[in-house]
Amino acid sequence: MQKFKFENMKENVKKLGSIFLFVSLLAFVFMSFSFIQSAPWVTPDKYKSMKNPTVANAENNAVGKALYAKHCKSCHGNFGKGDGPKAASMKTKMPDLTSKSYKGLPAGEKYYRSFIGRDEMPNFETKIPEVNDRWYVVNYMETLK
């Protein structure tokens, strides 16, 4: 029998293993990059200057908390850290609603991001039809620490 075929086969297996490892690593890097990177939000001027017309008080915050639990918690988590049960299955990283970068956004931008949405962030205008209720959610999110 020819000895070189067996030795050649061992080399081919090693090469295939190396190629597989390289391709897997490359795929992981691309997936990680797409998970971490998300395009910056472009907020229309209409929302940039929008002011919150509601008052943050215990009654309104209770409404906001209930709506948050129903519509937001599954992705954004109990405390707004972006660690809800659905977050791991999303292509984009969930934002931390307790971060300084989020807390520092103007009210209208928070409203736009929360209810108009984009990409995996759905539009909630029909699910939460009352404008004041949407603002109560924004007020509640301000209480998250």
C-alpha atoms as a PDB file:
ATOM      1  CA  MET A   1       0.000   0.000   0.000  1.00  0.00           C
ATOM      2  CA  GLN A   2       1.046   3.543  -0.500  1.00  0.00           C
ATOM      3  CA  LYS A   3       2.180   5.200   2.700  1.00  0.00           C
ATOM      4  CA  PHE A   4       1.975   8.768   1.437  1.00  0.00           C
ATOM      5  CA  LYS A   5      -1.852   8.669   1.170  1.00  0.00           C
ATOM      6  CA  PHE A   6      -2.255   8.182   4.915  1.00  0.00           C
ATOM      7  CA  GLU A   7       0.291  10.865   5.775  1.00  0.00           C
ATOM      8  CA  ASN A   8      -1.233  13.169   3.185  1.00  0.00           C
ATOM      9  CA  MET A   9      -4.664  12.564   4.710  1.00  0.00           C
ATOM     10  CA  LYS A  10      -3.388  13.521   8.166  1.00  0.00           C
ATOM     11  CA  GLU A  11      -2.006  16.771   6.763  1.00  0.00           C
ATOM     12  CA  ASN A  12      -5.265  17.496   4.968  1.00  0.00           C
ATOM     13  CA  VAL A  13      -7.241  16.954   8.178  1.00  0.00           C
ATOM     14  CA  LYS A  14      -4.913  19.351  10.000  1.00  0.00           C
ATOM     15  CA  LYS A  15      -5.283  21.930   7.231  1.00  0.00           C
ATOM     16  CA  LEU A  16      -9.060  21.573   7.209  1.00  0.00           C
ATOM     17  CA  GLY A  17      -9.109  21.944  10.989  1.00  0.00           C
ATOM     18  CA  SER A  18      -7.014  25.107  10.740  1.00  0.00           C
ATOM     19  CA  ILE A  19      -9.250  26.522   8.011  1.00  0.00           C
ATOM     20  CA  PHE A  20     -12.372  25.710  10.028  1.00  0.00           C
ATOM     21  CA  LEU A  21     -10.897  27.371  13.104  1.00  0.00           C
ATOM     22  CA  PHE A  22      -9.943  30.475  11.110  1.00  0.00           C
ATOM     23  CA  VAL A  23     -13.374  30.765   9.460  1.00  0.00           C
ATOM     24  CA  SER A  24     -15.119  30.254  12.825  1.00  0.00           C
ATOM     25  CA  LEU A  25     -12.976  32.928  14.437  1.00  0.00           C
ATOM     26  CA  LEU A  26     -13.614  35.312  11.564  1.00  0.00           C
ATOM     27  CA  ALA A  27     -17.382  34.716  11.768  1.00  0.00           C
ATOM     28  CA  PHE A  28     -17.286  35.314  15.532  1.00  0.00           C
ATOM     29  CA  VAL A  29     -15.444  38.617  15.065  1.00  0.00           C
ATOM     30  CA  PHE A  30     -17.940  39.839  12.455  1.00  0.00           C
ATOM     31  CA  MET A  31     -20.922  38.798  14.571  1.00  0.00           C
ATOM     32  CA  SER A  32     -19.444  40.467  17.652  1.00  0.00           C
ATOM     33  CA  PHE A  33     -18.812  43.657  15.715  1.00  0.00           C
ATOM     34  CA  SER A  34     -22.354  43.773  14.374  1.00  0.00           C
ATOM     35  CA  PHE A  35     -23.753  43.064  17.864  1.00  0.00           C
ATOM     36  CA  ILE A  36     -21.780  45.796  19.570  1.00  0.00           C
ATOM     37  CA  GLN A  37     -21.977  48.425  16.831  1.00  0.00           C
ATOM     38  CA  SER A  38     -25.273  50.074  16.136  1.00  0.00           C
ATOM     39  CA  ALA A  39     -25.840  53.141  14.053  1.00  0.00           C
ATOM     40  CA  PRO A  40     -26.314  56.338  16.013  1.00  0.00           C
ATOM     41  CA  TRP A  41     -29.870  57.477  16.501  1.00  0.00           C
ATOM     42  CA  VAL A  42     -30.955  60.316  14.253  1.00  0.00           C
ATOM     43  CA  THR A  43     -33.719  62.147  16.075  1.00  0.00           C
ATOM     44  CA  PRO A  44     -35.935  64.422  13.973  1.00  0.00           C
ATOM     45  CA  ASP A  45     -35.985  68.079  15.033  1.00  0.00           C
ATOM     46  CA  LYS A  46     -39.647  67.763  16.027  1.00  0.00           C
ATOM     47  CA  TYR A  47     -38.610  65.471  18.892  1.00  0.00           C
ATOM     48  CA  LYS A  48     -35.343  67.176  19.841  1.00  0.00           C
ATOM     49  CA  SER A  49     -37.179  70.195  21.199  1.00  0.00           C
ATOM     50  CA  MET A  50     -40.179  68.275  22.581  1.00  0.00           C
ATOM     51  CA  LYS A  51     -40.911  68.880  26.248  1.00  0.00           C
ATOM     52  CA  ASN A  52     -42.467  66.421  28.663  1.00  0.00           C
ATOM     53  CA  PRO A  53     -46.015  67.695  29.333  1.00  0.00           C
ATOM     54  CA  THR A  54     -46.605  65.421  32.323  1.00  0.00           C
ATOM     55  CA  VAL A  55     -45.757  65.565  35.993  1.00  0.00           C
ATOM     56  CA  ALA A  56     -43.656  62.834  37.546  1.00  0.00           C
ATOM     57  CA  ASN A  57     -45.535  61.801  40.668  1.00  0.00           C
ATOM     58  CA  ALA A  58     -46.327  58.521  42.412  1.00  0.00           C
ATOM     59  CA  GLU A  59     -49.617  57.961  40.566  1.00  0.00           C
ATOM     60  CA  ASN A  60     -48.174  58.651  37.105  1.00  0.00           C
ATOM     61  CA  ASN A  61     -45.032  56.667  37.838  1.00  0.00           C
ATOM     62  CA  ALA A  62     -47.191  53.676  38.812  1.00  0.00           C
ATOM     63  CA  VAL A  63     -48.842  53.831  35.379  1.00  0.00           C
ATOM     64  CA  GLY A  64     -45.416  54.166  33.743  1.00  0.00           C
ATOM     65  CA  LYS A  65     -44.048  51.247  35.743  1.00  0.00           C
ATOM     66  CA  ALA A  66     -46.967  48.997  34.736  1.00  0.00           C
ATOM     67  CA  LEU A  67     -46.568  49.910  31.053  1.00  0.00           C
ATOM     68  CA  TYR A  68     -42.792  49.418  31.266  1.00  0.00           C
ATOM     69  CA  ALA A  69     -43.348  45.957  32.793  1.00  0.00           C
ATOM     70  CA  LYS A  70     -45.757  45.053  29.998  1.00  0.00           C
ATOM     71  CA  HIS A  71     -43.891  46.449  26.986  1.00  0.00           C
ATOM     72  CA  CYS A  72     -40.235  47.119  27.857  1.00  0.00           C
ATOM     73  CA  LYS A  73     -39.024  44.789  30.600  1.00  0.00           C
ATOM     74  CA  SER A  74     -38.636  41.718  28.389  1.00  0.00           C
ATOM     75  CA  CYS A  75     -35.779  43.387  26.496  1.00  0.00           C
ATOM     76  CA  HIS A  76     -34.565  46.174  28.779  1.00  0.00           C
ATOM     77  CA  GLY A  77     -34.790  44.203  32.038  1.00  0.00           C
ATOM     78  CA  ASN A  78     -36.397  44.865  35.415  1.00  0.00           C
ATOM     79  CA  PHE A  79     -34.038  47.706  36.227  1.00  0.00           C
ATOM     80  CA  GLY A  80     -33.324  49.038  32.714  1.00  0.00           C
ATOM     81  CA  LYS A  81     -29.852  47.514  32.432  1.00  0.00           C
ATOM     82  CA  GLY A  82     -30.574  45.949  29.030  1.00  0.00           C
ATOM     83  CA  ASP A  83     -30.567  42.437  30.449  1.00  0.00           C
ATOM     84  CA  GLY A  84     -34.149  41.292  29.885  1.00  0.00           C
ATOM     85  CA  PRO A  85     -34.827  37.692  28.801  1.00  0.00           C
ATOM     86  CA  LYS A  86     -35.169  38.685  25.118  1.00  0.00           C
ATOM     87  CA  ALA A  87     -32.003  40.830  25.076  1.00  0.00           C
ATOM     88  CA  ALA A  88     -29.655  37.926  24.330  1.00  0.00           C
ATOM     89  CA  SER A  89     -31.570  37.034  21.165  1.00  0.00           C
ATOM     90  CA  MET A  90     -31.407  40.566  19.755  1.00  0.00           C
ATOM     91  CA  LYS A  91     -28.925  41.594  17.070  1.00  0.00           C
ATOM     92  CA  THR A  92     -28.258  44.933  18.740  1.00  0.00           C
ATOM     93  CA  LYS A  93     -27.078  45.458  22.274  1.00  0.00           C
ATOM     94  CA  MET A  94     -29.792  46.721  24.583  1.00  0.00           C
ATOM     95  CA  PRO A  95     -28.974  50.157  25.967  1.00  0.00           C
ATOM     96  CA  ASP A  96     -28.535  50.684  29.676  1.00  0.00           C
ATOM     97  CA  LEU A  97     -31.354  53.053  30.596  1.00  0.00           C
ATOM     98  CA  THR A  98     -29.573  53.878  33.858  1.00  0.00           C
ATOM     99  CA  SER A  99     -26.405  55.113  32.125  1.00  0.00           C
ATOM    100  CA  LYS A 100     -25.311  58.742  32.155  1.00  0.00           C
ATOM    101  CA  SER A 101     -25.463  58.823  28.364  1.00  0.00           C
ATOM    102  CA  TYR A 102     -29.134  57.829  28.378  1.00  0.00           C
ATOM    103  CA  LYS A 103     -30.071  59.941  31.391  1.00  0.00           C
ATOM    104  CA  GLY A 104     -28.439  62.967  29.729  1.00  0.00           C
ATOM    105  CA  LEU A 105     -30.650  62.815  26.640  1.00  0.00           C
ATOM    106  CA  PRO A 106     -33.313  65.488  26.231  1.00  0.00           C
ATOM    107  CA  ALA A 107     -36.848  64.325  27.054  1.00  0.00           C
ATOM    108  CA  GLY A 108     -37.997  64.415  23.429  1.00  0.00           C
ATOM    109  CA  GLU A 109     -35.131  62.168  22.321  1.00  0.00           C
ATOM    110  CA  LYS A 110     -36.009  59.638  25.023  1.00  0.00           C
ATOM    111  CA  TYR A 111     -39.606  59.767  23.847  1.00  0.00           C
ATOM    112  CA  TYR A 112     -38.599  59.259  20.197  1.00  0.00           C
ATOM    113  CA  ARG A 113     -36.314  56.335  20.949  1.00  0.00           C
ATOM    114  CA  SER A 114     -38.836  54.721  23.267  1.00  0.00           C
ATOM    115  CA  PHE A 115     -41.982  54.997  21.190  1.00  0.00           C
ATOM    116  CA  ILE A 116     -41.134  55.701  17.562  1.00  0.00           C
ATOM    117  CA  GLY A 117     -38.308  53.177  17.572  1.00  0.00           C
ATOM    118  CA  ARG A 118     -36.189  51.785  14.739  1.00  0.00           C
ATOM    119  CA  ASP A 119     -34.735  48.453  13.662  1.00  0.00           C
ATOM    120  CA  GLU A 120     -35.378  45.975  16.490  1.00  0.00           C
ATOM    121  CA  MET A 121     -36.868  48.665  18.708  1.00  0.00           C
ATOM    122  CA  PRO A 122     -40.550  48.494  17.735  1.00  0.00           C
ATOM    123  CA  ASN A 123     -42.914  51.394  17.362  1.00  0.00           C
ATOM    124  CA  PHE A 124     -45.254  51.555  20.363  1.00  0.00           C
ATOM    125  CA  GLU A 125     -47.635  54.277  19.170  1.00  0.00           C
ATOM    126  CA  THR A 126     -50.474  51.777  18.661  1.00  0.00           C
ATOM    127  CA  LYS A 127     -49.651  49.624  21.688  1.00  0.00           C
ATOM    128  CA  ILE A 128     -49.563  52.677  23.969  1.00  0.00           C
ATOM    129  CA  PRO A 129     -51.959  55.057  22.175  1.00  0.00           C
ATOM    130  CA  GLU A 130     -52.244  57.689  24.931  1.00  0.00           C
ATOM    131  CA  VAL A 131     -49.449  60.244  24.643  1.00  0.00           C
ATOM    132  CA  ASN A 132     -49.459  60.938  28.391  1.00  0.00           C
ATOM    133  CA  ASP A 133     -49.064  57.218  29.117  1.00  0.00           C
ATOM    134  CA  ARG A 134     -45.938  57.195  26.926  1.00  0.00           C
ATOM    135  CA  TRP A 135     -44.552  60.104  28.906  1.00  0.00           C
ATOM    136  CA  TYR A 136     -45.329  58.265  32.145  1.00  0.00           C
ATOM    137  CA  VAL A 137     -43.063  55.470  30.905  1.00  0.00           C
ATOM    138  CA  VAL A 138     -40.326  58.019  30.179  1.00  0.00           C
ATOM    139  CA  ASN A 139     -40.812  59.412  33.702  1.00  0.00           C
ATOM    140  CA  TYR A 140     -40.652  55.916  35.180  1.00  0.00           C
ATOM    141  CA  MET A 141     -37.449  55.124  33.260  1.00  0.00           C
ATOM    142  CA  GLU A 142     -35.914  58.207  34.883  1.00  0.00           C
ATOM    143  CA  THR A 143     -36.385  56.513  38.276  1.00  0.00           C
ATOM    144  CA  LEU A 144     -34.351  53.441  37.250  1.00  0.00           C
ATOM    145  CA  LYS A 145     -30.954  53.263  38.938  1.00  0.00           C
END
